[in-house]
Amino acid sequence: GDQVRHLFGQENPYLGIYARQDGIHFRIIAQGETNSTAQKLLEPMEEEIRHALGPSIWGVDDETMEERLGSLLRGKDLTLAVMESCTGGLLASSITDIPGSSDYFWGGIVTYLNDVKAYFGIDPQLIQEHGAVSAPVAEAMAKAARIGLGTDIGIGVTGVAGPTALEGVDPGTVFIGTAWDDGVRSTSNRFPPNRPMVKRRAVTQALLQTYHLVQERFAGN
């Protein structure tokens, strides 16, 4: 919110900020004699917010990140699979909330226990060396999902939903990996240590991260 702090405090248009499970929501309210007049009042503020926040914006109006990613994958004829731990299937559930998601989503695996991670292709030594909640494991999960289910892209999510720490890792810590045919990357994330919020925000971040990956790596598709 620091990038747009100077926009708060105005009356028309008014900018409100709300913290929700899937992230931070901004609402612009403008008043005018007609809808067109009000729209013209809010457009400069909306443009400034877009410029300040850029890639962090994942949706407008009622649009969801899963809708944006689904449209992008369908348009580029790409397929997706996921392996998730702390989100407990919420990532796959969110992706399949979109009608027609079977066009691009091939499946997901919930590897909640370390033994289950190992069963689905994660090297137990990797977990022992780095911990289950780590960047290398998130990346390995993403690769295992992509290779195991035969898709173009894989997502791996491992973290601590809370309320207590796990293996010395603070609650709210989530690593998200994305894998494609010739590469893999991951991010480290810290979310407010509220269990439902950690899960929801991890899902949103995973979708956003994959959206940017597709834009960057599959630009020519």
Protein backbone atom coordinates (compact mmCIF):
# COMPACT_ATOMS: atom_id res chain seq x y z
CA GLY A 1 0.00 0.00 0.00
CA ASP A 2 3.00 2.35 0.35
CA GLN A 3 3.14 2.87 -3.43
CA VAL A 4 -0.37 4.36 -3.43
CA ARG A 5 -0.48 5.83 0.09
CA HIS A 6 -0.73 9.37 -1.30
CA LEU A 7 -4.06 8.52 -2.98
CA PHE A 8 -5.86 7.89 0.31
CA GLY A 9 -7.78 10.68 2.02
CA GLN A 10 -9.44 12.09 -1.09
CA GLU A 11 -13.21 12.39 -1.15
CA ASN A 12 -14.06 12.14 -4.85
CA PRO A 13 -12.80 9.75 -5.97
CA TYR A 14 -12.46 7.88 -2.70
CA LEU A 15 -10.00 4.99 -2.37
CA GLY A 16 -10.70 2.21 0.13
CA ILE A 17 -8.44 -0.71 1.07
CA TYR A 18 -9.57 -4.07 2.44
CA ALA A 19 -7.58 -7.12 3.57
CA ARG A 20 -9.22 -10.38 2.49
CA GLN A 21 -8.13 -14.00 2.43
CA ASP A 22 -7.02 -13.86 -1.19
CA GLY A 23 -5.08 -10.62 -0.82
CA ILE A 24 -5.51 -6.86 -0.64
CA HIS A 25 -8.51 -5.32 -2.39
CA PHE A 26 -8.75 -1.69 -3.50
CA ARG A 27 -12.09 -0.03 -4.17
CA ILE A 28 -12.46 3.31 -5.96
CA ILE A 29 -15.73 5.17 -5.44
CA ALA A 30 -16.52 8.22 -7.57
CA GLN A 31 -19.64 10.37 -7.62
CA GLY A 32 -20.95 12.30 -10.61
CA GLU A 33 -24.14 13.43 -12.25
CA THR A 34 -23.88 10.53 -14.71
CA ASN A 35 -22.06 7.21 -14.80
CA SER A 36 -19.83 8.62 -17.52
CA THR A 37 -18.87 11.60 -15.37
CA ALA A 38 -18.07 9.37 -12.40
CA GLN A 39 -16.07 7.03 -14.61
CA LYS A 40 -13.93 9.91 -15.87
CA LEU A 41 -13.20 10.94 -12.28
CA LEU A 42 -11.92 7.52 -11.23
CA GLU A 43 -9.94 6.66 -14.37
CA PRO A 44 -6.81 8.72 -13.49
CA MET A 45 -6.66 7.11 -10.02
CA GLU A 46 -7.14 3.64 -11.48
CA GLU A 47 -4.36 4.26 -14.01
CA GLU A 48 -2.00 5.47 -11.28
CA ILE A 49 -2.71 2.37 -9.17
CA ARG A 50 -2.08 0.13 -12.18
CA HIS A 51 1.21 1.90 -12.86
CA ALA A 52 2.35 1.74 -9.21
CA LEU A 53 1.43 -1.87 -8.50
CA GLY A 54 1.94 -3.34 -11.98
CA PRO A 55 2.40 -7.14 -11.93
CA SER A 56 1.02 -7.42 -8.39
CA ILE A 57 -2.50 -6.74 -9.68
CA TRP A 58 -4.27 -10.04 -10.30
CA GLY A 59 -7.84 -9.04 -11.10
CA VAL A 60 -10.32 -6.23 -11.71
CA ASP A 61 -13.98 -6.02 -10.65
CA ASP A 62 -15.18 -9.60 -10.03
CA GLU A 63 -12.38 -11.23 -12.02
CA THR A 64 -10.38 -13.93 -10.22
CA MET A 65 -6.79 -15.02 -10.72
CA GLU A 66 -7.90 -18.54 -11.62
CA GLU A 67 -10.04 -17.07 -14.43
CA ARG A 68 -7.15 -15.01 -15.79
CA LEU A 69 -4.73 -17.92 -15.71
CA GLY A 70 -7.27 -20.30 -17.23
CA SER A 71 -7.95 -17.97 -20.14
CA LEU A 72 -4.22 -17.55 -20.74
CA LEU A 73 -3.52 -21.29 -20.67
CA ARG A 74 -6.44 -22.06 -22.97
CA GLY A 75 -5.39 -19.35 -25.42
CA LYS A 76 -1.85 -20.73 -25.60
CA ASP A 77 -2.93 -24.39 -25.64
CA LEU A 78 -0.89 -25.19 -22.50
CA THR A 79 -1.54 -27.76 -19.79
CA LEU A 80 -1.03 -27.60 -16.03
CA ALA A 81 -0.62 -29.97 -13.07
CA VAL A 82 0.00 -29.26 -9.39
CA MET A 83 1.52 -30.88 -6.32
CA GLU A 84 0.53 -29.18 -3.09
CA SER A 85 1.11 -29.72 0.59
CA CYS A 86 0.02 -26.94 2.98
CA THR A 87 -2.85 -25.84 0.73
CA GLY A 88 -4.40 -29.30 1.05
CA GLY A 89 -6.02 -29.37 -2.40
CA LEU A 90 -7.27 -25.77 -2.38
CA LEU A 91 -5.11 -24.89 -5.38
CA ALA A 92 -6.60 -27.66 -7.51
CA SER A 93 -10.07 -26.80 -6.22
CA SER A 94 -9.66 -23.14 -7.17
CA ILE A 95 -8.41 -23.97 -10.65
CA THR A 96 -11.36 -26.28 -11.25
CA ASP A 97 -13.87 -23.66 -10.08
CA ILE A 98 -13.65 -22.37 -13.65
CA PRO A 99 -15.99 -24.05 -16.16
CA GLY A 100 -14.05 -25.82 -18.88
CA SER A 101 -10.85 -26.02 -16.82
CA SER A 102 -10.39 -29.58 -18.09
CA ASP A 103 -9.12 -27.94 -21.30
CA TYR A 104 -5.85 -27.13 -19.53
CA PHE A 105 -5.81 -28.67 -16.04
CA TRP A 106 -4.84 -32.34 -15.98
CA GLY A 107 -4.75 -33.04 -12.26
CA GLY A 108 -3.28 -32.44 -8.83
CA ILE A 109 -1.62 -34.40 -6.04
CA VAL A 110 -1.87 -33.54 -2.33
CA THR A 111 1.35 -34.71 -0.66
CA TYR A 112 0.65 -33.70 2.91
CA LEU A 113 3.18 -36.01 4.55
CA ASN A 114 6.87 -36.31 3.71
CA ASP A 115 6.47 -40.02 3.00
CA VAL A 116 3.80 -39.20 0.46
CA LYS A 117 6.08 -36.61 -1.15
CA ALA A 118 8.71 -39.32 -1.48
CA TYR A 119 6.16 -41.74 -2.94
CA PHE A 120 5.40 -39.26 -5.70
CA GLY A 121 9.00 -38.64 -6.64
CA ILE A 122 10.51 -36.17 -4.16
CA ASP A 123 13.96 -37.33 -3.06
CA PRO A 124 13.86 -37.98 0.73
CA GLN A 125 17.48 -36.78 0.97
CA LEU A 126 16.39 -33.43 -0.46
CA ILE A 127 13.82 -33.11 2.31
CA GLN A 128 16.36 -34.17 4.92
CA GLU A 129 18.95 -31.64 3.71
CA HIS A 130 16.70 -28.64 3.16
CA GLY A 131 13.52 -29.39 5.10
CA ALA A 132 10.08 -30.11 3.69
CA VAL A 133 9.30 -26.40 3.65
CA SER A 134 12.02 -25.07 1.38
CA ALA A 135 12.67 -23.74 -2.10
CA PRO A 136 14.38 -26.91 -3.38
CA VAL A 137 11.43 -29.06 -2.31
CA ALA A 138 8.90 -26.66 -3.86
CA GLU A 139 10.83 -26.80 -7.12
CA ALA A 140 11.09 -30.59 -6.97
CA MET A 141 7.33 -30.81 -6.39
CA ALA A 142 6.67 -28.59 -9.41
CA LYS A 143 8.91 -30.76 -11.60
CA ALA A 144 7.38 -33.98 -10.28
CA ALA A 145 3.87 -32.72 -11.02
CA ARG A 146 4.78 -31.66 -14.56
CA ILE A 147 6.68 -34.83 -15.44
CA GLY A 148 4.39 -37.22 -13.60
CA LEU A 149 1.23 -35.95 -15.20
CA GLY A 150 2.81 -35.07 -18.54
CA THR A 151 1.91 -31.38 -18.68
CA ASP A 152 3.62 -28.25 -19.99
CA ILE A 153 3.73 -26.56 -16.57
CA GLY A 154 3.86 -27.79 -12.98
CA ILE A 155 3.25 -25.97 -9.70
CA GLY A 156 4.60 -27.08 -6.32
CA VAL A 157 3.46 -25.58 -3.00
CA THR A 158 4.94 -26.35 0.42
CA GLY A 159 4.58 -24.28 3.56
CA VAL A 160 3.43 -23.89 7.14
CA ALA A 161 -0.22 -22.92 7.41
CA GLY A 162 0.01 -22.66 11.21
CA PRO A 163 -0.85 -21.84 13.86
CA THR A 164 2.43 -23.37 15.12
CA ALA A 165 5.88 -23.60 13.56
CA LEU A 166 7.01 -26.73 11.71
CA GLU A 167 10.61 -27.96 11.69
CA GLY A 168 11.65 -24.53 12.96
CA VAL A 169 9.86 -22.72 10.11
CA ASP A 170 7.48 -19.94 11.13
CA PRO A 171 3.76 -20.19 10.31
CA GLY A 172 2.83 -18.25 7.20
CA THR A 173 6.00 -19.30 5.36
CA VAL A 174 5.23 -20.75 1.93
CA PHE A 175 7.52 -21.73 -0.95
CA ILE A 176 5.99 -21.94 -4.42
CA GLY A 177 7.75 -23.61 -7.33
CA THR A 178 6.90 -23.48 -11.02
CA ALA A 179 8.42 -25.79 -13.61
CA TRP A 180 8.36 -25.89 -17.39
CA ASP A 181 10.13 -27.94 -20.04
CA ASP A 182 13.61 -26.48 -19.57
CA GLY A 183 13.55 -24.70 -16.24
CA VAL A 184 12.24 -24.26 -12.73
CA ARG A 185 11.96 -21.35 -10.31
CA SER A 186 10.56 -20.68 -6.86
CA THR A 187 9.58 -17.85 -4.54
CA SER A 188 9.65 -17.50 -0.77
CA ASN A 189 6.51 -15.94 0.71
CA ARG A 190 5.46 -14.77 4.16
CA PHE A 191 1.74 -14.45 4.77
CA PRO A 192 -0.15 -13.39 7.92
CA PRO A 193 -0.09 -16.49 10.20
CA ASN A 194 -3.81 -17.19 9.97
CA ARG A 195 -4.39 -20.71 8.66
CA PRO A 196 -7.27 -20.06 6.20
CA MET A 197 -5.57 -16.86 5.02
CA VAL A 198 -2.23 -18.59 4.47
CA LYS A 199 -3.89 -21.24 2.33
CA ARG A 200 -5.92 -18.77 0.28
CA ARG A 201 -3.06 -16.34 -0.27
CA ALA A 202 -0.70 -19.15 -1.19
CA VAL A 203 -3.16 -20.24 -3.86
CA THR A 204 -3.49 -16.71 -5.23
CA GLN A 205 0.29 -16.27 -5.29
CA ALA A 206 0.78 -19.62 -7.02
CA LEU A 207 -1.71 -18.67 -9.72
CA LEU A 208 -0.20 -15.21 -10.14
CA GLN A 209 3.32 -16.63 -10.30
CA THR A 210 2.28 -19.12 -12.96
CA TYR A 211 0.47 -16.41 -14.93
CA HIS A 212 3.66 -14.36 -15.13
CA LEU A 213 5.68 -17.45 -16.05
CA VAL A 214 3.39 -18.21 -18.99
CA GLN A 215 3.55 -14.60 -20.18
CA GLU A 216 7.34 -14.62 -20.01
CA ARG A 217 8.28 -18.12 -21.17
CA PHE A 218 5.50 -18.86 -23.65
CA ALA A 219 5.18 -15.45 -25.30
CA GLY A 220 5.45 -16.93 -28.78
CA ASN A 221 2.69 -19.53 -28.37
